[in-house]
N, C-alpha and C. Protein backbone atom coordinates (compact mmCIF):
# COMPACT_ATOMS: atom_id res chain seq x y z
N MET A 1 -4.76 6.46 18.53
CA MET A 1 -3.36 6.70 18.17
C MET A 1 -3.04 5.99 16.86
N PHE A 2 -2.28 6.66 16.00
CA PHE A 2 -1.87 6.11 14.71
C PHE A 2 -0.42 5.64 14.79
N LEU A 3 -0.08 4.71 13.93
CA LEU A 3 1.31 4.37 13.70
C LEU A 3 1.56 4.39 12.20
N GLU A 4 2.55 5.14 11.79
CA GLU A 4 2.97 5.15 10.39
C GLU A 4 4.23 4.30 10.26
N LEU A 5 4.21 3.37 9.33
CA LEU A 5 5.33 2.48 9.07
C LEU A 5 5.92 2.86 7.71
N PRO A 6 7.00 3.62 7.69
CA PRO A 6 7.49 4.17 6.42
C PRO A 6 8.08 3.14 5.46
N LYS A 7 8.55 2.01 5.95
CA LYS A 7 9.21 1.03 5.08
C LYS A 7 8.76 -0.39 5.43
N LEU A 8 7.44 -0.58 5.47
CA LEU A 8 6.95 -1.93 5.77
C LEU A 8 7.34 -2.89 4.66
N LEU A 9 7.17 -2.48 3.40
CA LEU A 9 7.50 -3.31 2.25
C LEU A 9 8.80 -2.82 1.60
N SER A 10 9.58 -3.75 1.11
CA SER A 10 10.77 -3.40 0.33
C SER A 10 10.35 -3.01 -1.08
N PRO A 11 11.21 -2.28 -1.83
CA PRO A 11 10.88 -1.97 -3.22
C PRO A 11 10.60 -3.21 -4.06
N GLN A 12 11.32 -4.31 -3.78
CA GLN A 12 11.11 -5.54 -4.53
C GLN A 12 9.73 -6.13 -4.24
N GLU A 13 9.29 -6.03 -2.99
CA GLU A 13 7.96 -6.54 -2.63
C GLU A 13 6.87 -5.68 -3.25
N VAL A 14 7.07 -4.37 -3.27
CA VAL A 14 6.10 -3.49 -3.94
C VAL A 14 6.00 -3.84 -5.41
N GLN A 15 7.15 -4.07 -6.04
CA GLN A 15 7.18 -4.41 -7.46
C GLN A 15 6.45 -5.72 -7.73
N ARG A 16 6.68 -6.72 -6.86
CA ARG A 16 6.04 -8.02 -7.07
C ARG A 16 4.54 -7.93 -6.84
N LEU A 17 4.11 -7.22 -5.82
CA LEU A 17 2.67 -7.07 -5.56
C LEU A 17 1.99 -6.32 -6.70
N THR A 18 2.67 -5.34 -7.24
CA THR A 18 2.12 -4.60 -8.38
C THR A 18 1.94 -5.53 -9.58
N ALA A 19 2.96 -6.36 -9.83
CA ALA A 19 2.87 -7.31 -10.94
C ALA A 19 1.75 -8.32 -10.72
N LEU A 20 1.64 -8.83 -9.50
CA LEU A 20 0.57 -9.78 -9.19
C LEU A 20 -0.80 -9.14 -9.40
N SER A 21 -0.94 -7.87 -9.04
CA SER A 21 -2.23 -7.21 -9.18
C SER A 21 -2.66 -7.09 -10.63
N ARG A 22 -1.69 -7.07 -11.54
CA ARG A 22 -2.03 -6.98 -12.97
C ARG A 22 -2.46 -8.32 -13.53
N GLU A 23 -2.05 -9.40 -12.87
CA GLU A 23 -2.37 -10.75 -13.35
C GLU A 23 -3.57 -11.35 -12.62
N MET A 24 -3.85 -10.87 -11.43
CA MET A 24 -4.82 -11.48 -10.53
C MET A 24 -6.24 -11.08 -10.88
N ARG A 25 -7.19 -11.97 -10.58
CA ARG A 25 -8.61 -11.63 -10.71
C ARG A 25 -9.05 -10.81 -9.50
N PHE A 26 -9.85 -9.81 -9.76
CA PHE A 26 -10.45 -9.01 -8.69
C PHE A 26 -11.97 -9.14 -8.79
N VAL A 27 -12.62 -9.07 -7.64
CA VAL A 27 -14.08 -9.20 -7.59
C VAL A 27 -14.65 -7.96 -6.89
N ASP A 28 -15.96 -7.82 -7.00
CA ASP A 28 -16.66 -6.69 -6.37
C ASP A 28 -16.43 -6.72 -4.86
N GLY A 29 -15.93 -5.61 -4.32
CA GLY A 29 -15.66 -5.54 -2.89
C GLY A 29 -16.88 -5.67 -2.02
N ARG A 30 -18.06 -5.45 -2.58
CA ARG A 30 -19.28 -5.57 -1.78
C ARG A 30 -19.56 -7.01 -1.35
N GLN A 31 -18.88 -7.97 -1.96
CA GLN A 31 -19.09 -9.35 -1.56
C GLN A 31 -18.75 -9.58 -0.09
N SER A 32 -17.78 -8.82 0.43
CA SER A 32 -17.40 -8.98 1.83
C SER A 32 -18.17 -8.07 2.77
N ASN A 33 -18.92 -7.13 2.22
CA ASN A 33 -19.72 -6.22 3.05
C ASN A 33 -20.91 -5.71 2.24
N PRO A 34 -21.84 -6.60 1.91
CA PRO A 34 -22.94 -6.22 1.02
C PRO A 34 -23.89 -5.18 1.60
N ALA A 35 -23.88 -5.02 2.93
CA ALA A 35 -24.81 -4.08 3.55
C ALA A 35 -24.36 -2.64 3.43
N ASN A 36 -23.07 -2.42 3.12
CA ASN A 36 -22.55 -1.05 3.04
C ASN A 36 -22.70 -0.53 1.62
N VAL A 37 -23.69 0.33 1.42
CA VAL A 37 -23.98 0.83 0.07
C VAL A 37 -22.97 1.84 -0.40
N THR A 38 -22.09 2.34 0.51
CA THR A 38 -21.09 3.33 0.10
C THR A 38 -19.78 2.67 -0.34
N LYS A 39 -19.70 1.34 -0.24
CA LYS A 39 -18.47 0.64 -0.62
C LYS A 39 -18.47 0.36 -2.11
N ASP A 40 -17.45 0.83 -2.78
CA ASP A 40 -17.33 0.63 -4.23
C ASP A 40 -15.85 0.45 -4.56
N ASN A 41 -15.39 -0.79 -4.51
CA ASN A 41 -14.01 -1.09 -4.85
C ASN A 41 -13.90 -2.52 -5.36
N LEU A 42 -12.69 -2.94 -5.65
CA LEU A 42 -12.43 -4.30 -6.10
C LEU A 42 -11.45 -4.95 -5.13
N GLN A 43 -11.65 -6.25 -4.87
CA GLN A 43 -10.79 -6.99 -3.97
C GLN A 43 -10.25 -8.24 -4.66
N ALA A 44 -9.04 -8.63 -4.28
CA ALA A 44 -8.44 -9.82 -4.86
C ALA A 44 -9.34 -11.03 -4.64
N ASP A 45 -9.47 -11.83 -5.66
CA ASP A 45 -10.29 -13.04 -5.59
C ASP A 45 -9.53 -14.11 -4.81
N HIS A 46 -10.11 -14.57 -3.71
CA HIS A 46 -9.46 -15.59 -2.89
C HIS A 46 -9.21 -16.88 -3.66
N GLY A 47 -9.98 -17.10 -4.70
CA GLY A 47 -9.82 -18.32 -5.47
C GLY A 47 -8.72 -18.25 -6.51
N ASP A 48 -8.15 -17.06 -6.72
CA ASP A 48 -7.07 -16.92 -7.69
C ASP A 48 -5.78 -17.50 -7.10
N PRO A 49 -5.05 -18.33 -7.85
CA PRO A 49 -3.83 -18.94 -7.29
C PRO A 49 -2.78 -17.93 -6.87
N ARG A 50 -2.82 -16.72 -7.43
CA ARG A 50 -1.84 -15.70 -7.06
C ARG A 50 -2.18 -15.00 -5.74
N TYR A 51 -3.41 -15.21 -5.27
CA TYR A 51 -3.83 -14.58 -4.02
C TYR A 51 -2.94 -15.00 -2.86
N GLN A 52 -2.63 -16.29 -2.76
CA GLN A 52 -1.82 -16.79 -1.66
C GLN A 52 -0.44 -16.16 -1.64
N GLU A 53 0.15 -15.96 -2.80
CA GLU A 53 1.47 -15.34 -2.84
C GLU A 53 1.41 -13.90 -2.34
N SER A 54 0.39 -13.17 -2.76
CA SER A 54 0.28 -11.77 -2.32
C SER A 54 0.09 -11.69 -0.81
N THR A 55 -0.73 -12.58 -0.27
CA THR A 55 -0.96 -12.60 1.17
C THR A 55 0.32 -12.95 1.93
N GLN A 56 1.07 -13.89 1.39
CA GLN A 56 2.30 -14.32 2.06
C GLN A 56 3.33 -13.20 2.09
N ILE A 57 3.48 -12.47 0.99
CA ILE A 57 4.43 -11.36 0.93
C ILE A 57 4.10 -10.34 2.02
N LEU A 58 2.82 -9.98 2.12
CA LEU A 58 2.41 -8.97 3.08
C LEU A 58 2.53 -9.48 4.51
N ALA A 59 2.13 -10.72 4.75
CA ALA A 59 2.20 -11.28 6.10
C ALA A 59 3.65 -11.34 6.59
N GLN A 60 4.57 -11.69 5.72
CA GLN A 60 5.99 -11.75 6.09
C GLN A 60 6.51 -10.36 6.44
N ALA A 61 6.04 -9.33 5.73
CA ALA A 61 6.47 -7.97 6.02
C ALA A 61 6.02 -7.54 7.42
N PHE A 62 4.78 -7.86 7.77
CA PHE A 62 4.30 -7.54 9.12
C PHE A 62 5.08 -8.31 10.17
N ALA A 63 5.37 -9.58 9.90
CA ALA A 63 6.04 -10.43 10.88
C ALA A 63 7.44 -9.93 11.21
N ARG A 64 8.12 -9.32 10.26
CA ARG A 64 9.49 -8.87 10.53
C ARG A 64 9.57 -7.44 11.07
N SER A 65 8.43 -6.75 11.16
CA SER A 65 8.42 -5.36 11.60
C SER A 65 8.32 -5.29 13.12
N ARG A 66 9.43 -4.99 13.78
CA ARG A 66 9.44 -4.84 15.24
C ARG A 66 8.54 -3.68 15.66
N GLU A 67 8.57 -2.61 14.90
CA GLU A 67 7.76 -1.43 15.24
C GLU A 67 6.27 -1.77 15.24
N PHE A 68 5.84 -2.54 14.23
CA PHE A 68 4.44 -2.96 14.17
C PHE A 68 4.09 -3.84 15.36
N ARG A 69 4.94 -4.80 15.68
CA ARG A 69 4.64 -5.71 16.78
C ARG A 69 4.56 -4.97 18.12
N ASP A 70 5.47 -4.02 18.33
CA ASP A 70 5.46 -3.27 19.58
C ASP A 70 4.22 -2.40 19.72
N PHE A 71 3.73 -1.89 18.60
CA PHE A 71 2.56 -1.01 18.63
C PHE A 71 1.26 -1.81 18.74
N ALA A 72 1.11 -2.82 17.90
CA ALA A 72 -0.16 -3.54 17.79
C ALA A 72 -0.29 -4.67 18.80
N LEU A 73 0.82 -5.21 19.29
CA LEU A 73 0.79 -6.40 20.14
C LEU A 73 -0.14 -7.45 19.54
N PRO A 74 0.13 -7.86 18.31
CA PRO A 74 -0.83 -8.71 17.59
C PRO A 74 -0.98 -10.10 18.19
N LYS A 75 -2.22 -10.51 18.29
CA LYS A 75 -2.55 -11.88 18.69
C LYS A 75 -2.91 -12.70 17.46
N ARG A 76 -3.80 -12.14 16.62
CA ARG A 76 -4.18 -12.76 15.35
C ARG A 76 -4.43 -11.66 14.34
N MET A 77 -4.27 -12.00 13.06
CA MET A 77 -4.49 -11.04 11.98
C MET A 77 -5.32 -11.67 10.88
N ALA A 78 -6.12 -10.85 10.22
CA ALA A 78 -6.78 -11.30 9.00
C ALA A 78 -5.76 -11.35 7.88
N PRO A 79 -5.87 -12.30 6.95
CA PRO A 79 -4.94 -12.34 5.82
C PRO A 79 -4.98 -11.01 5.06
N PRO A 80 -3.83 -10.37 4.84
CA PRO A 80 -3.82 -9.11 4.10
C PRO A 80 -4.40 -9.28 2.70
N LEU A 81 -5.16 -8.28 2.27
CA LEU A 81 -5.94 -8.39 1.04
C LEU A 81 -5.66 -7.21 0.12
N LEU A 82 -5.30 -7.49 -1.13
CA LEU A 82 -5.12 -6.43 -2.12
C LEU A 82 -6.47 -5.85 -2.52
N CYS A 83 -6.54 -4.52 -2.59
CA CYS A 83 -7.76 -3.82 -3.00
C CYS A 83 -7.41 -2.80 -4.07
N ARG A 84 -8.29 -2.68 -5.06
CA ARG A 84 -8.06 -1.77 -6.19
C ARG A 84 -9.24 -0.82 -6.32
N TYR A 85 -8.93 0.42 -6.63
CA TYR A 85 -9.96 1.44 -6.86
C TYR A 85 -9.74 2.05 -8.23
N GLU A 86 -10.73 1.93 -9.09
CA GLU A 86 -10.71 2.54 -10.42
C GLU A 86 -11.39 3.92 -10.34
N PRO A 87 -11.28 4.73 -11.40
CA PRO A 87 -11.93 6.05 -11.37
C PRO A 87 -13.41 5.97 -11.00
N GLY A 88 -13.79 6.82 -10.07
CA GLY A 88 -15.17 6.86 -9.59
C GLY A 88 -15.41 5.99 -8.36
N MET A 89 -14.50 5.07 -8.05
CA MET A 89 -14.69 4.20 -6.91
C MET A 89 -14.29 4.89 -5.62
N LYS A 90 -14.90 4.46 -4.51
CA LYS A 90 -14.66 5.07 -3.20
C LYS A 90 -15.13 4.09 -2.13
N TYR A 91 -14.93 4.50 -0.88
CA TYR A 91 -15.48 3.75 0.26
C TYR A 91 -15.91 4.80 1.27
N GLY A 92 -17.21 4.98 1.41
CA GLY A 92 -17.74 6.02 2.26
C GLY A 92 -17.39 5.83 3.73
N ALA A 93 -17.66 6.86 4.52
CA ALA A 93 -17.29 6.86 5.94
C ALA A 93 -17.90 5.66 6.67
N HIS A 94 -17.08 4.97 7.43
CA HIS A 94 -17.53 3.78 8.14
C HIS A 94 -16.53 3.44 9.25
N ALA A 95 -16.95 2.63 10.18
CA ALA A 95 -16.05 1.98 11.14
C ALA A 95 -16.07 0.50 10.82
N ASP A 96 -14.94 -0.16 10.99
CA ASP A 96 -14.85 -1.57 10.60
C ASP A 96 -15.64 -2.46 11.56
N ALA A 97 -16.09 -3.59 11.03
CA ALA A 97 -16.87 -4.54 11.83
C ALA A 97 -16.08 -4.99 13.06
N ALA A 98 -16.79 -5.22 14.15
CA ALA A 98 -16.14 -5.59 15.41
C ALA A 98 -15.50 -6.97 15.34
N THR A 99 -16.12 -7.90 14.61
CA THR A 99 -15.57 -9.25 14.48
C THR A 99 -15.57 -9.63 13.00
N MET A 100 -14.62 -10.49 12.65
CA MET A 100 -14.46 -10.90 11.26
C MET A 100 -14.16 -12.38 11.18
N GLN A 101 -14.78 -13.05 10.23
CA GLN A 101 -14.55 -14.47 10.01
C GLN A 101 -13.27 -14.66 9.21
N VAL A 102 -12.37 -15.47 9.73
CA VAL A 102 -11.15 -15.82 9.02
C VAL A 102 -10.99 -17.34 9.09
N ALA A 103 -10.05 -17.85 8.33
CA ALA A 103 -9.80 -19.29 8.38
C ALA A 103 -9.43 -19.69 9.80
N GLY A 104 -10.15 -20.64 10.34
CA GLY A 104 -9.86 -21.10 11.69
C GLY A 104 -10.66 -20.43 12.78
N GLY A 105 -11.55 -19.50 12.40
CA GLY A 105 -12.39 -18.90 13.45
C GLY A 105 -12.71 -17.46 13.20
N VAL A 106 -12.94 -16.74 14.30
CA VAL A 106 -13.36 -15.34 14.25
C VAL A 106 -12.33 -14.51 15.01
N ILE A 107 -11.97 -13.35 14.45
CA ILE A 107 -11.09 -12.43 15.17
C ILE A 107 -11.86 -11.16 15.51
N ARG A 108 -11.42 -10.51 16.56
CA ARG A 108 -11.94 -9.20 16.94
C ARG A 108 -11.05 -8.14 16.27
N SER A 109 -11.64 -7.16 15.62
CA SER A 109 -10.85 -6.13 14.96
C SER A 109 -10.59 -4.98 15.94
N ASP A 110 -9.37 -4.95 16.48
CA ASP A 110 -8.95 -3.85 17.35
C ASP A 110 -8.26 -2.76 16.54
N LEU A 111 -7.48 -3.18 15.54
CA LEU A 111 -6.72 -2.25 14.71
C LEU A 111 -6.93 -2.59 13.25
N SER A 112 -6.93 -1.55 12.42
CA SER A 112 -6.99 -1.72 10.97
C SER A 112 -5.70 -1.18 10.37
N CYS A 113 -5.35 -1.67 9.21
CA CYS A 113 -4.11 -1.22 8.57
C CYS A 113 -4.31 -1.13 7.07
N THR A 114 -3.82 -0.03 6.50
CA THR A 114 -3.77 0.16 5.06
C THR A 114 -2.31 0.23 4.63
N VAL A 115 -1.93 -0.60 3.66
CA VAL A 115 -0.59 -0.59 3.09
C VAL A 115 -0.68 0.00 1.69
N PHE A 116 0.04 1.08 1.45
CA PHE A 116 -0.01 1.75 0.16
C PHE A 116 0.97 1.07 -0.80
N ILE A 117 0.51 0.82 -2.02
CA ILE A 117 1.33 0.13 -3.01
C ILE A 117 1.53 0.98 -4.26
N ALA A 118 0.48 1.61 -4.76
CA ALA A 118 0.60 2.45 -5.96
C ALA A 118 1.31 3.77 -5.63
N GLU A 119 2.09 4.26 -6.58
CA GLU A 119 2.70 5.59 -6.45
C GLU A 119 1.59 6.63 -6.34
N PRO A 120 1.66 7.53 -5.36
CA PRO A 120 0.58 8.51 -5.18
C PRO A 120 0.39 9.43 -6.37
N GLY A 121 1.45 9.64 -7.16
CA GLY A 121 1.33 10.51 -8.32
C GLY A 121 0.64 9.87 -9.50
N THR A 122 0.37 8.55 -9.42
CA THR A 122 -0.25 7.86 -10.55
C THR A 122 -1.77 7.85 -10.48
N TYR A 123 -2.34 8.38 -9.38
CA TYR A 123 -3.80 8.45 -9.30
C TYR A 123 -4.21 9.73 -8.57
N GLU A 124 -5.37 10.24 -8.94
CA GLU A 124 -5.91 11.45 -8.31
C GLU A 124 -7.02 11.06 -7.36
N GLY A 125 -7.08 11.75 -6.21
CA GLY A 125 -8.06 11.39 -5.19
C GLY A 125 -7.62 10.13 -4.48
N GLY A 126 -8.59 9.39 -3.93
CA GLY A 126 -8.29 8.12 -3.29
C GLY A 126 -7.58 8.22 -1.96
N GLU A 127 -7.63 9.38 -1.31
CA GLU A 127 -6.98 9.52 -0.02
C GLU A 127 -7.70 8.72 1.06
N LEU A 128 -6.95 8.13 1.97
CA LEU A 128 -7.52 7.55 3.18
C LEU A 128 -7.73 8.69 4.17
N VAL A 129 -8.96 8.82 4.65
CA VAL A 129 -9.28 9.90 5.58
C VAL A 129 -9.81 9.28 6.87
N THR A 130 -9.14 9.55 7.98
CA THR A 130 -9.65 9.16 9.29
C THR A 130 -10.19 10.40 9.98
N HIS A 131 -11.21 10.21 10.79
CA HIS A 131 -11.88 11.36 11.40
C HIS A 131 -11.65 11.36 12.91
N LEU A 132 -10.97 12.41 13.38
CA LEU A 132 -10.78 12.63 14.81
C LEU A 132 -11.78 13.69 15.23
N GLY A 133 -12.96 13.26 15.67
CA GLY A 133 -14.03 14.22 15.94
C GLY A 133 -14.44 14.88 14.65
N THR A 134 -14.34 16.20 14.60
CA THR A 134 -14.70 16.94 13.38
C THR A 134 -13.49 17.19 12.49
N ARG A 135 -12.32 16.68 12.88
CA ARG A 135 -11.10 16.96 12.12
C ARG A 135 -10.71 15.77 11.25
N PRO A 136 -10.63 15.95 9.93
CA PRO A 136 -10.15 14.86 9.07
C PRO A 136 -8.63 14.80 9.06
N VAL A 137 -8.09 13.59 9.12
CA VAL A 137 -6.65 13.37 9.00
C VAL A 137 -6.44 12.55 7.73
N VAL A 138 -5.69 13.10 6.79
CA VAL A 138 -5.61 12.57 5.43
C VAL A 138 -4.27 11.87 5.21
N PHE A 139 -4.33 10.68 4.58
CA PHE A 139 -3.12 9.92 4.25
C PHE A 139 -3.15 9.53 2.77
N LYS A 140 -2.03 9.77 2.11
CA LYS A 140 -1.82 9.28 0.75
C LYS A 140 -0.31 9.05 0.63
N SER A 141 0.10 7.86 1.01
CA SER A 141 1.51 7.61 1.28
C SER A 141 2.24 6.97 0.11
N GLN A 142 3.56 6.87 0.27
CA GLN A 142 4.42 6.30 -0.75
C GLN A 142 4.30 4.77 -0.77
N PRO A 143 4.67 4.13 -1.89
CA PRO A 143 4.61 2.67 -1.97
C PRO A 143 5.44 2.01 -0.87
N GLY A 144 4.84 1.02 -0.21
CA GLY A 144 5.52 0.31 0.85
C GLY A 144 5.26 0.86 2.23
N GLU A 145 4.65 2.04 2.31
CA GLU A 145 4.33 2.63 3.60
C GLU A 145 2.96 2.15 4.07
N ALA A 146 2.77 2.13 5.39
CA ALA A 146 1.52 1.65 5.96
C ALA A 146 1.08 2.57 7.10
N ILE A 147 -0.22 2.59 7.34
CA ILE A 147 -0.79 3.33 8.46
C ILE A 147 -1.66 2.37 9.25
N VAL A 148 -1.45 2.32 10.57
CA VAL A 148 -2.22 1.47 11.47
C VAL A 148 -3.06 2.39 12.36
N TYR A 149 -4.34 2.09 12.49
CA TYR A 149 -5.24 2.97 13.23
C TYR A 149 -6.35 2.13 13.89
N PRO A 150 -7.00 2.67 14.92
CA PRO A 150 -8.05 1.91 15.60
C PRO A 150 -9.21 1.58 14.67
N SER A 151 -9.67 0.34 14.73
CA SER A 151 -10.79 -0.08 13.88
C SER A 151 -12.09 0.62 14.25
N THR A 152 -12.14 1.16 15.46
CA THR A 152 -13.34 1.88 15.92
C THR A 152 -13.47 3.26 15.30
N MET A 153 -12.41 3.73 14.67
CA MET A 153 -12.38 5.10 14.16
C MET A 153 -13.14 5.22 12.84
N LEU A 154 -13.93 6.27 12.71
CA LEU A 154 -14.61 6.55 11.45
C LEU A 154 -13.57 6.90 10.39
N HIS A 155 -13.64 6.24 9.23
CA HIS A 155 -12.67 6.51 8.17
C HIS A 155 -13.32 6.26 6.81
N GLU A 156 -12.68 6.72 5.77
CA GLU A 156 -13.23 6.59 4.41
C GLU A 156 -12.11 6.67 3.39
N VAL A 157 -12.42 6.27 2.17
CA VAL A 157 -11.53 6.46 1.02
C VAL A 157 -12.24 7.40 0.07
N ARG A 158 -11.61 8.54 -0.19
CA ARG A 158 -12.22 9.52 -1.09
C ARG A 158 -12.28 8.98 -2.52
N PRO A 159 -13.22 9.45 -3.33
CA PRO A 159 -13.34 8.95 -4.70
C PRO A 159 -12.04 9.12 -5.50
N VAL A 160 -11.72 8.11 -6.27
CA VAL A 160 -10.59 8.19 -7.20
C VAL A 160 -11.07 8.92 -8.44
N ARG A 161 -10.39 9.98 -8.80
CA ARG A 161 -10.80 10.79 -9.96
C ARG A 161 -10.10 10.34 -11.24
N ALA A 162 -8.90 9.80 -11.13
CA ALA A 162 -8.16 9.32 -12.30
C ALA A 162 -7.09 8.34 -11.83
N GLY A 163 -6.69 7.43 -12.71
CA GLY A 163 -5.67 6.46 -12.37
C GLY A 163 -6.23 5.30 -11.58
N GLN A 164 -5.34 4.60 -10.88
CA GLN A 164 -5.73 3.39 -10.14
C GLN A 164 -5.05 3.37 -8.78
N ARG A 165 -5.87 3.27 -7.75
CA ARG A 165 -5.36 3.18 -6.38
C ARG A 165 -5.22 1.70 -6.02
N LEU A 166 -4.00 1.29 -5.64
CA LEU A 166 -3.76 -0.09 -5.22
C LEU A 166 -3.21 -0.07 -3.81
N VAL A 167 -3.90 -0.76 -2.91
CA VAL A 167 -3.49 -0.87 -1.51
C VAL A 167 -3.71 -2.30 -1.04
N ALA A 168 -3.26 -2.58 0.16
CA ALA A 168 -3.62 -3.81 0.84
C ALA A 168 -4.18 -3.43 2.21
N ILE A 169 -5.10 -4.23 2.71
CA ILE A 169 -5.68 -3.97 4.02
C ILE A 169 -5.61 -5.22 4.88
N THR A 170 -5.59 -5.02 6.18
CA THR A 170 -5.72 -6.13 7.11
C THR A 170 -6.29 -5.60 8.42
N PHE A 171 -6.67 -6.55 9.28
CA PHE A 171 -7.27 -6.21 10.57
C PHE A 171 -6.59 -7.06 11.64
N ILE A 172 -6.36 -6.44 12.79
CA ILE A 172 -5.54 -7.06 13.82
C ILE A 172 -6.32 -7.19 15.12
N GLU A 173 -6.31 -8.39 15.69
CA GLU A 173 -6.77 -8.58 17.05
C GLU A 173 -5.56 -8.49 17.96
N SER A 174 -5.57 -7.55 18.87
CA SER A 174 -4.42 -7.30 19.74
C SER A 174 -4.52 -8.12 21.02
N LEU A 175 -3.37 -8.41 21.61
CA LEU A 175 -3.35 -9.03 22.92
C LEU A 175 -4.02 -8.13 23.97
N VAL A 176 -3.97 -6.80 23.73
CA VAL A 176 -4.57 -5.83 24.63
C VAL A 176 -5.67 -5.11 23.86
N ALA A 177 -6.91 -5.44 24.16
CA ALA A 177 -8.03 -4.92 23.38
C ALA A 177 -8.25 -3.43 23.61
N ASP A 178 -8.02 -2.96 24.83
CA ASP A 178 -8.30 -1.57 25.16
C ASP A 178 -7.24 -0.65 24.57
N GLU A 179 -7.67 0.32 23.77
CA GLU A 179 -6.73 1.20 23.07
C GLU A 179 -5.87 2.00 24.05
N HIS A 180 -6.47 2.52 25.11
CA HIS A 180 -5.72 3.34 26.07
C HIS A 180 -4.64 2.51 26.75
N ARG A 181 -4.97 1.32 27.18
CA ARG A 181 -3.98 0.45 27.83
C ARG A 181 -2.87 0.07 26.86
N ARG A 182 -3.27 -0.26 25.64
CA ARG A 182 -2.28 -0.64 24.63
C ARG A 182 -1.31 0.50 24.37
N THR A 183 -1.82 1.72 24.34
CA THR A 183 -0.97 2.88 24.10
C THR A 183 0.02 3.08 25.24
N GLN A 184 -0.40 2.84 26.49
CA GLN A 184 0.52 3.00 27.62
C GLN A 184 1.68 2.02 27.52
N ILE A 185 1.39 0.79 27.14
CA ILE A 185 2.46 -0.19 26.98
C ILE A 185 3.40 0.22 25.86
N TYR A 186 2.82 0.71 24.76
CA TYR A 186 3.65 1.16 23.63
C TYR A 186 4.57 2.31 24.05
N GLU A 187 4.04 3.28 24.80
CA GLU A 187 4.85 4.42 25.22
C GLU A 187 5.99 3.96 26.14
N LEU A 188 5.71 3.03 27.04
CA LEU A 188 6.77 2.51 27.89
C LEU A 188 7.82 1.76 27.06
N ASN A 189 7.37 1.04 26.03
CA ASN A 189 8.31 0.37 25.13
C ASN A 189 9.21 1.38 24.44
N GLU A 190 8.62 2.51 24.02
CA GLU A 190 9.40 3.54 23.34
C GLU A 190 10.42 4.17 24.28
N VAL A 191 10.01 4.45 25.51
CA VAL A 191 10.95 5.01 26.49
C VAL A 191 12.10 4.04 26.72
N ALA A 192 11.78 2.76 26.88
CA ALA A 192 12.82 1.76 27.10
C ALA A 192 13.77 1.68 25.91
N ALA A 193 13.21 1.76 24.69
CA ALA A 193 14.05 1.67 23.50
C ALA A 193 14.95 2.90 23.34
N LEU A 194 14.42 4.07 23.65
CA LEU A 194 15.16 5.31 23.44
C LEU A 194 16.12 5.65 24.58
N GLU A 195 15.74 5.32 25.79
CA GLU A 195 16.50 5.75 26.97
C GLU A 195 17.10 4.60 27.77
N GLY A 196 16.73 3.37 27.44
CA GLY A 196 17.10 2.24 28.27
C GLY A 196 18.59 2.12 28.53
N MET A 197 19.43 2.30 27.49
CA MET A 197 20.86 2.13 27.65
C MET A 197 21.50 3.25 28.46
N LYS A 198 20.78 4.37 28.62
CA LYS A 198 21.31 5.49 29.41
C LYS A 198 20.93 5.36 30.89
N MET A 199 19.99 4.47 31.17
CA MET A 199 19.48 4.35 32.53
C MET A 199 20.38 3.48 33.39
N ASP A 200 20.33 3.76 34.69
CA ASP A 200 20.93 2.84 35.64
C ASP A 200 20.31 1.46 35.45
N TRP A 201 21.13 0.41 35.49
CA TRP A 201 20.65 -0.93 35.18
C TRP A 201 19.47 -1.33 36.07
N ALA A 202 19.55 -1.03 37.36
CA ALA A 202 18.48 -1.41 38.27
C ALA A 202 17.17 -0.73 37.90
N ASN A 203 17.23 0.55 37.48
CA ASN A 203 16.01 1.26 37.08
C ASN A 203 15.48 0.73 35.76
N ARG A 204 16.39 0.33 34.88
CA ARG A 204 15.96 -0.24 33.60
C ARG A 204 15.21 -1.56 33.84
N VAL A 205 15.71 -2.36 34.77
CA VAL A 205 15.04 -3.62 35.10
C VAL A 205 13.67 -3.34 35.69
N ARG A 206 13.58 -2.34 36.58
CA ARG A 206 12.29 -2.00 37.18
C ARG A 206 11.29 -1.56 36.12
N LEU A 207 11.75 -0.77 35.15
CA LEU A 207 10.87 -0.34 34.07
C LEU A 207 10.37 -1.53 33.27
N ASP A 208 11.27 -2.47 32.99
CA ASP A 208 10.87 -3.65 32.22
C ASP A 208 9.88 -4.51 33.00
N VAL A 209 10.04 -4.59 34.31
CA VAL A 209 9.09 -5.33 35.13
C VAL A 209 7.70 -4.71 35.02
N VAL A 210 7.63 -3.38 35.07
CA VAL A 210 6.34 -2.70 34.93
C VAL A 210 5.72 -3.00 33.58
N ARG A 211 6.51 -2.92 32.52
CA ARG A 211 5.99 -3.19 31.17
C ARG A 211 5.43 -4.60 31.07
N GLN A 212 6.20 -5.56 31.53
CA GLN A 212 5.77 -6.95 31.41
C GLN A 212 4.56 -7.25 32.29
N ASN A 213 4.52 -6.65 33.46
CA ASN A 213 3.37 -6.89 34.34
C ASN A 213 2.10 -6.27 33.80
N LEU A 214 2.20 -5.09 33.18
CA LEU A 214 1.02 -4.49 32.56
C LEU A 214 0.53 -5.35 31.40
N LEU A 215 1.46 -5.84 30.59
CA LEU A 215 1.06 -6.71 29.49
C LEU A 215 0.42 -7.99 30.02
N ARG A 216 0.98 -8.53 31.07
CA ARG A 216 0.43 -9.75 31.66
C ARG A 216 -0.98 -9.48 32.22
N MET A 217 -1.16 -8.34 32.85
CA MET A 217 -2.44 -8.01 33.49
C MET A 217 -3.53 -7.68 32.47
N TRP A 218 -3.14 -7.03 31.39
CA TRP A 218 -4.13 -6.52 30.44
C TRP A 218 -4.34 -7.39 29.22
N SER A 219 -3.46 -8.35 28.99
CA SER A 219 -3.60 -9.15 27.78
C SER A 219 -4.78 -10.09 27.90
N GLY A 220 -5.35 -10.42 26.73
CA GLY A 220 -6.52 -11.30 26.70
C GLY A 220 -6.16 -12.75 26.52
N MET A 221 -4.92 -13.10 26.81
CA MET A 221 -4.49 -14.50 26.62
C MET A 221 -5.12 -15.40 27.68
């Protein structure tokens, strides 16, 4: 299941991240995944003093998004990372690594997220493509929009033919590792949000008890 977040970043945050990307050092993206010969992009240099500001802007956006929290049920996240694709660069079809080293330990990647920053009209190609069986699902979204998808899913970035693709990526360890279970909790959350005030109070309480008990039973805490 996918989640599209149409306004994760404010226009001011998009503007600031764009400015930071012009000042920041970028390094070969293969440094974080040297075994993947299809990876050809640039990633923000962790040693650049502007890296921390970019990460903080993105992390704050995720923290304030109720929709993201309800969908992902995040336990831990990798620091969001700016990535740049110049003409000819791409990232071939792959599934993300099951575990990732972050400051303070290792996280399990249950969900992946791409945050679009560059205007889609300023670059050609560079679409994010996720594969549902034999069917490709293509995303090339507006600045500030994000797509969250299972890390187990085969996905790729098509070659950039012109311009510059600027995005941010992160990986999420969820309280509920199993995608099917996590989706059931999300759907119950949506029903409660959309219909809760119309329901008899006693039935609304019963629904909330079910939601909380499922989260308690399935969470990895």
